[in-house]
Amino acid sequence: MNSLLLLILLVAAPPFDHAPFTAVLKKHVKHGRVDYDAIGADDTFKTYLKSLQDANPNALQTRAEKLAFWINAYNAITIFFINQHSNIKSIKDIKPNVWKEQQFSIGGKPYTLDHIEHNIILGELGEVRAHFGLVCAAKSCPILRSDAYVASRLSQQLDEQVALFLNNPQRNRFDAEKKTVFLSKIFDWYKSDFIRVAGSVQTFIEPYLANAADKTLLMQPDVTIEYLDYDWRLNN
């Protein structure tokens, strides 16, 4: 196949359809709680997984299309892995390592969750807000949306996810009396990512906070930052 024909085929390729995943999420995810059994039995989810397996990621043309594809793929594959293992209490119960060793084929190539997250989404595409869109099936994770990510609204969706996560007192707490901010462990694990894009964790967080007093406390030079324990129990 010559390069001109390949270019024509890529340009003519229709956008990847995430509507089936949205249909599944709307039915089986309520306020971030996931009905894994119902999703596993849903033929629409099986159809979506098959579409991921048959996809050609190289045909995705824009950064937004690529990010929407890979974030949705990460979340769908995570659900698939959970459903492959009955009676588990946490994704960490899956052996071998669910992030580094379990594989899912996309376009004939095996991918791990770790590769999708770190090499593609955070590495190649450089999207730090994805930390709040990628859901690792745990109670302390960002909540799973009831709709799939789509290129046309991707930035808005990611901003919504960051704001929702940061303003949830179960994920982050602001204690003015103690001059202490209790942050999700995500901000500790991935501190270098937030520093890279914003200069500091606090500078990244501040624009997304809804409460002015929380903003003031966060940016005080003598504020203490502590990190909350992570609850790895399933978000079902």
C-alpha atoms as a PDB file:
ATOM      1  CA  MET A   1       0.000   0.000   0.000  1.00  0.00           C
ATOM      2  CA  ASN A   2       1.508   3.321  -1.008  1.00  0.00           C
ATOM      3  CA  SER A   3       1.619   6.289   1.346  1.00  0.00           C
ATOM      4  CA  LEU A   4      -0.999   8.291  -0.577  1.00  0.00           C
ATOM      5  CA  LEU A   5      -3.547   5.471  -0.359  1.00  0.00           C
ATOM      6  CA  LEU A   6      -2.805   5.011   3.342  1.00  0.00           C
ATOM      7  CA  LEU A   7      -3.349   8.730   3.922  1.00  0.00           C
ATOM      8  CA  ILE A   8      -6.673   8.621   2.072  1.00  0.00           C
ATOM      9  CA  LEU A   9      -7.821   5.658   4.164  1.00  0.00           C
ATOM     10  CA  LEU A  10      -6.854   7.359   7.414  1.00  0.00           C
ATOM     11  CA  VAL A  11      -8.608  10.596   6.463  1.00  0.00           C
ATOM     12  CA  ALA A  12     -11.723   8.682   5.431  1.00  0.00           C
ATOM     13  CA  ALA A  13     -11.831   6.599   8.605  1.00  0.00           C
ATOM     14  CA  PRO A  14     -14.944   7.377  10.708  1.00  0.00           C
ATOM     15  CA  PRO A  15     -14.406   8.449  14.318  1.00  0.00           C
ATOM     16  CA  PHE A  16     -14.364   5.631  16.848  1.00  0.00           C
ATOM     17  CA  ASP A  17     -17.840   5.105  18.315  1.00  0.00           C
ATOM     18  CA  HIS A  18     -17.959   5.219  22.119  1.00  0.00           C
ATOM     19  CA  ALA A  19     -21.792   5.359  22.222  1.00  0.00           C
ATOM     20  CA  PRO A  20     -22.106   1.683  23.231  1.00  0.00           C
ATOM     21  CA  PHE A  21     -19.892   2.313  26.262  1.00  0.00           C
ATOM     22  CA  THR A  22     -22.015   5.315  27.228  1.00  0.00           C
ATOM     23  CA  ALA A  23     -25.132   3.121  27.002  1.00  0.00           C
ATOM     24  CA  VAL A  24     -23.528   0.576  29.343  1.00  0.00           C
ATOM     25  CA  LEU A  25     -22.341   3.188  31.832  1.00  0.00           C
ATOM     26  CA  LYS A  26     -25.716   4.939  31.945  1.00  0.00           C
ATOM     27  CA  LYS A  27     -27.427   1.659  32.836  1.00  0.00           C
ATOM     28  CA  HIS A  28     -24.971   0.208  35.282  1.00  0.00           C
ATOM     29  CA  VAL A  29     -23.038   3.053  36.969  1.00  0.00           C
ATOM     30  CA  LYS A  30     -24.915   5.150  39.532  1.00  0.00           C
ATOM     31  CA  HIS A  31     -23.102   7.979  41.345  1.00  0.00           C
ATOM     32  CA  GLY A  32     -19.803   6.271  40.605  1.00  0.00           C
ATOM     33  CA  ARG A  33     -20.854   2.878  41.983  1.00  0.00           C
ATOM     34  CA  VAL A  34     -20.369   0.130  39.439  1.00  0.00           C
ATOM     35  CA  ASP A  35     -22.569  -2.946  38.992  1.00  0.00           C
ATOM     36  CA  TYR A  36     -19.854  -5.242  37.672  1.00  0.00           C
ATOM     37  CA  ASP A  37     -22.075  -8.303  37.357  1.00  0.00           C
ATOM     38  CA  ALA A  38     -24.644  -6.434  35.269  1.00  0.00           C
ATOM     39  CA  ILE A  39     -21.970  -4.980  32.991  1.00  0.00           C
ATOM     40  CA  GLY A  40     -20.384  -8.397  32.536  1.00  0.00           C
ATOM     41  CA  ALA A  41     -23.723  -9.807  31.392  1.00  0.00           C
ATOM     42  CA  ASP A  42     -24.500  -6.885  29.083  1.00  0.00           C
ATOM     43  CA  ASP A  43     -24.126  -7.759  25.395  1.00  0.00           C
ATOM     44  CA  THR A  44     -23.545  -4.097  24.578  1.00  0.00           C
ATOM     45  CA  PHE A  45     -20.429  -4.157  26.746  1.00  0.00           C
ATOM     46  CA  LYS A  46     -19.202  -7.275  24.958  1.00  0.00           C
ATOM     47  CA  THR A  47     -19.764  -5.486  21.646  1.00  0.00           C
ATOM     48  CA  TYR A  48     -17.766  -2.485  22.857  1.00  0.00           C
ATOM     49  CA  LEU A  49     -14.883  -4.684  24.015  1.00  0.00           C
ATOM     50  CA  LYS A  50     -14.873  -6.352  20.580  1.00  0.00           C
ATOM     51  CA  SER A  51     -14.737  -2.921  18.932  1.00  0.00           C
ATOM     52  CA  LEU A  52     -11.674  -2.082  21.052  1.00  0.00           C
ATOM     53  CA  GLN A  53     -10.018  -5.328  20.025  1.00  0.00           C
ATOM     54  CA  ASP A  54     -10.689  -4.593  16.350  1.00  0.00           C
ATOM     55  CA  ALA A  55      -9.743  -0.899  16.536  1.00  0.00           C
ATOM     56  CA  ASN A  56      -6.864   0.742  14.717  1.00  0.00           C
ATOM     57  CA  PRO A  57      -5.505   3.379  17.137  1.00  0.00           C
ATOM     58  CA  ASN A  58      -3.228   4.695  14.375  1.00  0.00           C
ATOM     59  CA  ALA A  59      -6.334   5.895  12.533  1.00  0.00           C
ATOM     60  CA  LEU A  60      -7.223   8.310  15.343  1.00  0.00           C
ATOM     61  CA  GLN A  61      -6.328  11.742  14.029  1.00  0.00           C
ATOM     62  CA  THR A  62      -6.548  14.284  16.840  1.00  0.00           C
ATOM     63  CA  ARG A  63      -5.110  14.357  20.340  1.00  0.00           C
ATOM     64  CA  ALA A  64      -8.634  14.539  21.767  1.00  0.00           C
ATOM     65  CA  GLU A  65      -9.722  11.453  19.800  1.00  0.00           C
ATOM     66  CA  LYS A  66      -6.687   9.552  21.021  1.00  0.00           C
ATOM     67  CA  LEU A  67      -7.197  10.568  24.644  1.00  0.00           C
ATOM     68  CA  ALA A  68     -10.917   9.716  24.608  1.00  0.00           C
ATOM     69  CA  PHE A  69     -10.134   6.339  23.064  1.00  0.00           C
ATOM     70  CA  TRP A  70      -7.395   5.381  25.502  1.00  0.00           C
ATOM     71  CA  ILE A  71      -9.145   6.659  28.663  1.00  0.00           C
ATOM     72  CA  ASN A  72     -12.306   4.744  27.724  1.00  0.00           C
ATOM     73  CA  ALA A  73     -10.222   1.703  26.831  1.00  0.00           C
ATOM     74  CA  TYR A  74      -8.467   1.808  30.219  1.00  0.00           C
ATOM     75  CA  ASN A  75     -11.766   2.006  32.104  1.00  0.00           C
ATOM     76  CA  ALA A  76     -13.475  -0.685  30.014  1.00  0.00           C
ATOM     77  CA  ILE A  77     -10.516  -3.063  30.263  1.00  0.00           C
ATOM     78  CA  THR A  78     -10.396  -2.536  34.037  1.00  0.00           C
ATOM     79  CA  ILE A  79     -14.047  -3.574  34.264  1.00  0.00           C
ATOM     80  CA  PHE A  80     -13.313  -6.573  32.033  1.00  0.00           C
ATOM     81  CA  PHE A  81     -10.442  -7.686  34.286  1.00  0.00           C
ATOM     82  CA  ILE A  82     -12.612  -7.354  37.404  1.00  0.00           C
ATOM     83  CA  ASN A  83     -15.276  -9.533  35.799  1.00  0.00           C
ATOM     84  CA  GLN A  84     -12.709 -12.189  34.898  1.00  0.00           C
ATOM     85  CA  HIS A  85     -12.134 -12.843  38.607  1.00  0.00           C
ATOM     86  CA  SER A  86     -15.107 -13.731  40.791  1.00  0.00           C
ATOM     87  CA  ASN A  87     -15.445 -13.044  44.510  1.00  0.00           C
ATOM     88  CA  ILE A  88     -12.597 -10.546  44.754  1.00  0.00           C
ATOM     89  CA  LYS A  89     -12.779  -7.689  47.247  1.00  0.00           C
ATOM     90  CA  SER A  90     -10.183  -5.482  45.553  1.00  0.00           C
ATOM     91  CA  ILE A  91      -8.566  -5.115  42.153  1.00  0.00           C
ATOM     92  CA  LYS A  92      -5.279  -5.788  43.951  1.00  0.00           C
ATOM     93  CA  ASP A  93      -6.475  -9.362  44.554  1.00  0.00           C
ATOM     94  CA  ILE A  94      -6.001 -10.103  40.844  1.00  0.00           C
ATOM     95  CA  LYS A  95      -2.833 -12.072  40.125  1.00  0.00           C
ATOM     96  CA  PRO A  96      -0.547 -11.762  38.262  1.00  0.00           C
ATOM     97  CA  ASN A  97      -0.281  -7.989  38.637  1.00  0.00           C
ATOM     98  CA  VAL A  98      -3.353  -6.498  37.005  1.00  0.00           C
ATOM     99  CA  TRP A  99      -1.605  -3.331  35.871  1.00  0.00           C
ATOM    100  CA  LYS A 100       1.755  -4.633  34.692  1.00  0.00           C
ATOM    101  CA  GLU A 101       1.139  -8.230  33.607  1.00  0.00           C
ATOM    102  CA  GLN A 102      -2.487  -8.692  32.533  1.00  0.00           C
ATOM    103  CA  GLN A 103      -2.916  -7.938  28.814  1.00  0.00           C
ATOM    104  CA  PHE A 104      -5.733  -6.951  26.463  1.00  0.00           C
ATOM    105  CA  SER A 105      -5.399  -6.968  22.676  1.00  0.00           C
ATOM    106  CA  ILE A 106      -6.175  -3.788  20.718  1.00  0.00           C
ATOM    107  CA  GLY A 107      -5.661  -3.873  16.978  1.00  0.00           C
ATOM    108  CA  GLY A 108      -3.768  -7.137  17.307  1.00  0.00           C
ATOM    109  CA  LYS A 109      -1.277  -5.722  19.825  1.00  0.00           C
ATOM    110  CA  PRO A 110      -1.258  -6.627  23.542  1.00  0.00           C
ATOM    111  CA  TYR A 111      -1.502  -3.731  25.975  1.00  0.00           C
ATOM    112  CA  THR A 112      -1.276  -3.567  29.756  1.00  0.00           C
ATOM    113  CA  LEU A 113      -3.126  -0.977  31.830  1.00  0.00           C
ATOM    114  CA  ASP A 114       0.221   0.369  32.962  1.00  0.00           C
ATOM    115  CA  HIS A 115       1.360   0.919  29.360  1.00  0.00           C
ATOM    116  CA  ILE A 116      -1.900   2.642  28.415  1.00  0.00           C
ATOM    117  CA  GLU A 117      -1.717   4.977  31.417  1.00  0.00           C
ATOM    118  CA  HIS A 118       1.980   5.804  31.640  1.00  0.00           C
ATOM    119  CA  ASN A 119       3.326   5.365  28.121  1.00  0.00           C
ATOM    120  CA  ILE A 120       0.377   6.639  26.094  1.00  0.00           C
ATOM    121  CA  ILE A 121      -1.931   8.890  28.145  1.00  0.00           C
ATOM    122  CA  LEU A 122       0.587  10.490  30.517  1.00  0.00           C
ATOM    123  CA  GLY A 123       3.649   9.989  28.326  1.00  0.00           C
ATOM    124  CA  GLU A 124       2.916  10.374  24.623  1.00  0.00           C
ATOM    125  CA  LEU A 125      -0.230  12.499  25.067  1.00  0.00           C
ATOM    126  CA  GLY A 126       0.839  14.277  28.269  1.00  0.00           C
ATOM    127  CA  GLU A 127      -2.608  14.639  29.863  1.00  0.00           C
ATOM    128  CA  VAL A 128      -2.286  14.951  33.636  1.00  0.00           C
ATOM    129  CA  ARG A 129      -6.026  15.504  34.136  1.00  0.00           C
ATOM    130  CA  ALA A 130      -6.455  11.880  33.098  1.00  0.00           C
ATOM    131  CA  HIS A 131      -5.502  10.956  36.680  1.00  0.00           C
ATOM    132  CA  PHE A 132      -9.124  11.867  37.462  1.00  0.00           C
ATOM    133  CA  GLY A 133     -10.647  10.081  34.460  1.00  0.00           C
ATOM    134  CA  LEU A 134      -8.841   6.765  34.798  1.00  0.00           C
ATOM    135  CA  VAL A 135     -10.695   4.621  37.310  1.00  0.00           C
ATOM    136  CA  CYS A 136      -8.904   1.677  38.946  1.00  0.00           C
ATOM    137  CA  ALA A 137     -12.068   0.151  40.443  1.00  0.00           C
ATOM    138  CA  ALA A 138     -11.329   1.268  44.016  1.00  0.00           C
ATOM    139  CA  LYS A 139     -13.427   3.316  46.427  1.00  0.00           C
ATOM    140  CA  SER A 140     -10.739   6.014  46.721  1.00  0.00           C
ATOM    141  CA  CYS A 141     -10.421   6.368  42.946  1.00  0.00           C
ATOM    142  CA  PRO A 142     -12.124   9.164  41.056  1.00  0.00           C
ATOM    143  CA  ILE A 143     -15.687   8.102  40.332  1.00  0.00           C
ATOM    144  CA  LEU A 144     -16.511   6.415  37.049  1.00  0.00           C
ATOM    145  CA  ARG A 145     -18.664   8.706  34.933  1.00  0.00           C
ATOM    146  CA  SER A 146     -22.023   7.511  33.634  1.00  0.00           C
ATOM    147  CA  ASP A 147     -20.969   8.503  30.133  1.00  0.00           C
ATOM    148  CA  ALA A 148     -17.958   7.718  27.971  1.00  0.00           C
ATOM    149  CA  TYR A 149     -15.343  10.314  27.075  1.00  0.00           C
ATOM    150  CA  VAL A 150     -15.753  11.857  23.625  1.00  0.00           C
ATOM    151  CA  ALA A 151     -13.351  14.047  21.690  1.00  0.00           C
ATOM    152  CA  SER A 152     -15.815  16.918  21.222  1.00  0.00           C
ATOM    153  CA  ARG A 153     -16.278  17.412  24.999  1.00  0.00           C
ATOM    154  CA  LEU A 154     -13.104  15.858  26.349  1.00  0.00           C
ATOM    155  CA  SER A 155     -11.547  18.916  28.000  1.00  0.00           C
ATOM    156  CA  GLN A 156     -14.849  19.833  29.657  1.00  0.00           C
ATOM    157  CA  GLN A 157     -15.318  16.253  30.883  1.00  0.00           C
ATOM    158  CA  LEU A 158     -11.818  16.102  32.350  1.00  0.00           C
ATOM    159  CA  ASP A 159     -12.207  19.473  34.072  1.00  0.00           C
ATOM    160  CA  GLU A 160     -15.494  18.234  35.544  1.00  0.00           C
ATOM    161  CA  GLN A 161     -13.741  15.134  36.837  1.00  0.00           C
ATOM    162  CA  VAL A 162     -10.941  17.119  38.485  1.00  0.00           C
ATOM    163  CA  ALA A 163     -13.393  19.508  40.156  1.00  0.00           C
ATOM    164  CA  LEU A 164     -15.687  16.710  41.304  1.00  0.00           C
ATOM    165  CA  PHE A 165     -12.774  14.811  42.820  1.00  0.00           C
ATOM    166  CA  LEU A 166     -11.182  17.799  44.544  1.00  0.00           C
ATOM    167  CA  ASN A 167     -14.424  19.084  46.070  1.00  0.00           C
ATOM    168  CA  ASN A 168     -15.433  15.691  47.435  1.00  0.00           C
ATOM    169  CA  PRO A 169     -14.658  15.617  51.202  1.00  0.00           C
ATOM    170  CA  GLN A 170     -14.303  11.819  51.022  1.00  0.00           C
ATOM    171  CA  ARG A 171     -11.320  12.331  48.720  1.00  0.00           C
ATOM    172  CA  ASN A 172      -9.810  15.609  50.015  1.00  0.00           C
ATOM    173  CA  ARG A 173     -10.366  17.595  53.236  1.00  0.00           C
ATOM    174  CA  PHE A 174      -9.453  21.137  54.244  1.00  0.00           C
ATOM    175  CA  ASP A 175      -9.050  21.778  57.979  1.00  0.00           C
ATOM    176  CA  ALA A 176      -8.559  25.492  58.686  1.00  0.00           C
ATOM    177  CA  GLU A 177      -8.229  24.993  62.463  1.00  0.00           C
ATOM    178  CA  LYS A 178      -5.306  22.618  62.034  1.00  0.00           C
ATOM    179  CA  LYS A 179      -3.949  24.544  59.030  1.00  0.00           C
ATOM    180  CA  THR A 180      -3.810  21.177  57.308  1.00  0.00           C
ATOM    181  CA  VAL A 181      -4.973  19.968  53.915  1.00  0.00           C
ATOM    182  CA  PHE A 182      -5.628  16.229  53.656  1.00  0.00           C
ATOM    183  CA  LEU A 183      -5.199  15.225  50.023  1.00  0.00           C
ATOM    184  CA  SER A 184      -5.787  12.040  48.105  1.00  0.00           C
ATOM    185  CA  LYS A 185      -2.787   9.763  47.836  1.00  0.00           C
ATOM    186  CA  ILE A 186      -2.968  10.395  44.075  1.00  0.00           C
ATOM    187  CA  PHE A 187      -1.278  13.749  44.666  1.00  0.00           C
ATOM    188  CA  ASP A 188       1.561  12.010  46.451  1.00  0.00           C
ATOM    189  CA  TRP A 189       2.044   9.149  43.986  1.00  0.00           C
ATOM    190  CA  TYR A 190       1.978  11.424  40.937  1.00  0.00           C
ATOM    191  CA  LYS A 191       3.400  14.592  42.457  1.00  0.00           C
ATOM    192  CA  SER A 192       5.955  14.987  39.664  1.00  0.00           C
ATOM    193  CA  ASP A 193       3.180  15.078  37.040  1.00  0.00           C
ATOM    194  CA  PHE A 194       1.409  17.973  38.763  1.00  0.00           C
ATOM    195  CA  ILE A 195       4.655  19.840  39.332  1.00  0.00           C
ATOM    196  CA  ARG A 196       5.514  19.421  35.656  1.00  0.00           C
ATOM    197  CA  VAL A 197       2.294  21.031  34.405  1.00  0.00           C
ATOM    198  CA  ALA A 198       1.582  23.557  37.180  1.00  0.00           C
ATOM    199  CA  GLY A 199       4.762  24.094  39.191  1.00  0.00           C
ATOM    200  CA  SER A 200       3.336  22.553  42.364  1.00  0.00           C
ATOM    201  CA  VAL A 201       0.503  20.347  43.551  1.00  0.00           C
ATOM    202  CA  GLN A 202      -1.198  23.336  45.201  1.00  0.00           C
ATOM    203  CA  THR A 203      -1.041  25.443  42.054  1.00  0.00           C
ATOM    204  CA  PHE A 204      -2.668  22.648  40.073  1.00  0.00           C
ATOM    205  CA  ILE A 205      -5.456  22.175  42.620  1.00  0.00           C
ATOM    206  CA  GLU A 206      -6.359  25.788  43.450  1.00  0.00           C
ATOM    207  CA  PRO A 207      -8.356  26.739  40.297  1.00  0.00           C
ATOM    208  CA  TYR A 208     -10.669  23.738  40.718  1.00  0.00           C
ATOM    209  CA  LEU A 209     -11.730  24.419  44.315  1.00  0.00           C
ATOM    210  CA  ALA A 210     -15.252  25.739  44.779  1.00  0.00           C
ATOM    211  CA  ASN A 211     -14.748  27.095  48.310  1.00  0.00           C
ATOM    212  CA  ALA A 212     -12.778  30.347  48.645  1.00  0.00           C
ATOM    213  CA  ALA A 213     -11.666  29.485  52.193  1.00  0.00           C
ATOM    214  CA  ASP A 214     -10.238  26.189  50.937  1.00  0.00           C
ATOM    215  CA  LYS A 215      -8.303  28.056  48.250  1.00  0.00           C
ATOM    216  CA  THR A 216      -6.877  30.454  50.843  1.00  0.00           C
ATOM    217  CA  LEU A 217      -5.860  27.657  53.195  1.00  0.00           C
ATOM    218  CA  LEU A 218      -4.265  25.621  50.415  1.00  0.00           C
ATOM    219  CA  MET A 219      -2.059  28.486  49.262  1.00  0.00           C
ATOM    220  CA  GLN A 220      -0.822  29.571  52.699  1.00  0.00           C
ATOM    221  CA  PRO A 221       2.975  29.153  52.860  1.00  0.00           C
ATOM    222  CA  ASP A 222       2.818  27.405  56.259  1.00  0.00           C
ATOM    223  CA  VAL A 223      -0.005  24.978  55.395  1.00  0.00           C
ATOM    224  CA  THR A 224       0.649  21.313  56.198  1.00  0.00           C
ATOM    225  CA  ILE A 225      -0.113  18.763  53.486  1.00  0.00           C
ATOM    226  CA  GLU A 226      -0.973  15.236  54.545  1.00  0.00           C
ATOM    227  CA  TYR A 227      -2.091  12.348  52.358  1.00  0.00           C
ATOM    228  CA  LEU A 228      -5.092  10.162  53.103  1.00  0.00           C
ATOM    229  CA  ASP A 229      -4.998   6.382  53.159  1.00  0.00           C
ATOM    230  CA  TYR A 230      -6.241   4.804  49.937  1.00  0.00           C
ATOM    231  CA  ASP A 231      -9.263   2.512  50.135  1.00  0.00           C
ATOM    232  CA  TRP A 232      -8.690  -0.282  47.601  1.00  0.00           C
ATOM    233  CA  ARG A 233     -12.042  -2.009  48.140  1.00  0.00           C
ATOM    234  CA  LEU A 234     -14.101  -2.340  44.964  1.00  0.00           C
ATOM    235  CA  ASN A 235     -16.259   0.645  44.000  1.00  0.00           C
ATOM    236  CA  ASN A 236     -19.387  -1.498  43.669  1.00  0.00           C
END
